[in-house]
């Protein structure tokens, strides 16, 4: 008979304990231990009963077969994966509710020319059909299944064996071998491990959709991210149209690529040139706006940085930013006041990255400072000028990476001038670009180049 073992599992980190304890010794969280009963099958009599013995072999004797990828008929998705999905790989997509994870997965299922099984534990086939009609329908290769039992799903897969499996979502599956609710750490770990084994044995690619916690990390045990081959994060503001698909882990490609989409009534549209959409609405005669040559991963994108500086209404000046780190904004304001003698201690300062994007590239510091100076003196910045440079605490303009990609994107978008660190000028050939390259060494020199 199968033995029943009762353990207490931390719902935050997955640590196990023989008895209930108030504070987890692994992650330090309080009151996270929940009792779970695990059925344990009796051990086999000998190692000879194992099937498919693994035999050691020399590394030089291993055949180096080229990786053949499956085209998902979605250029941005293929870009993030490294050129398509690899047979036998498991891809995990996480993101906030309503960001478009299910929409992206269903679009792939409808467009790809492979036999696809879309398994949903959150929607009925009728609801999936309504969403598929809104997305434009499919090519007849997509099958849908509303199922939450892992055992029933594996039975169905062994009968049909599709060429692509999509699970929406991994937190809704449950295994009958574990007596705990769906979505718990034990269930997520067991279901993911079973699907991984099935994927590797049958060379069937699997796309898993995962929930995230309130702090933005993927829900479930950390082992879930370790056992899958690729972890993708779907980011964006649900109040804006643009979405970014970012790779966090990729065993078959680079983690520096991103995909940019626009959410519409007909689904997610690929944005081949996001710079045009992010800066084409810039007013030419208003102050407080500057163009930054930003790099997301290895992809250059021109973005618009907006600033508003006004007299403080209340006793304490406000420092607010949307899409930009507020602590870095406070540092830049301190540098402006100390090094450039701009009195901003009694001013409210608001920063916004147009389009709802969130930017972490330090190279946009120069554009943020330029927009603040423009709003302070109420003089607009030339709309054909862009900026790339990191500002140090002593007011120096520090060099940035991938300067040639930034210059190429600015040149392609029709910019006439770029302000950049003097050190980066040594690493490029100015004759390759039609831009006027202006070297900036210190933040004190910036007003001279902006306003003459």
Foldseek 3Di string as FASTA:
>chain_A
DWDKQKWWAFQPAGDIDNDDDQADPPPGDGPRIDIWIFTHHDDDPDPVPDPDDDDDDDPVPDDDDDFDFFDLVAVQVCVQQARHHTQLAEEEEEEAPPLAPVLVVVVSLQEGPWQEEEEEQPDDPVVSVVLCVQLPGHDPRYHYHHDAELVVVVVVCVVPVTQEYEYHALQSHAYPRIPDHRNGQVGSVVSLVVVSVVRNVSSRYYYHYFYADPVGHTRYHPVSVVSGAWYWYWDFDSVFFKIKIFTPHHNPHDRLRIWIWGQDSNTTHGDPAVQCVQQVPDDQWWALKAWAFAGRRNATHIWIKGKAKDFAPDPAAAQEEQLEDSVVVVLLVVLCCPPQVDDRRRIHMYMYTGRRHHGDFQQCSLRNLRSHVRNVVGGHFGSLEHETFHADNNFFTDAHPPVVNSQVSSQVVRRAEYEGAPVVVVVDDVVVGNHHYHHDTGNNCVVVVGPD
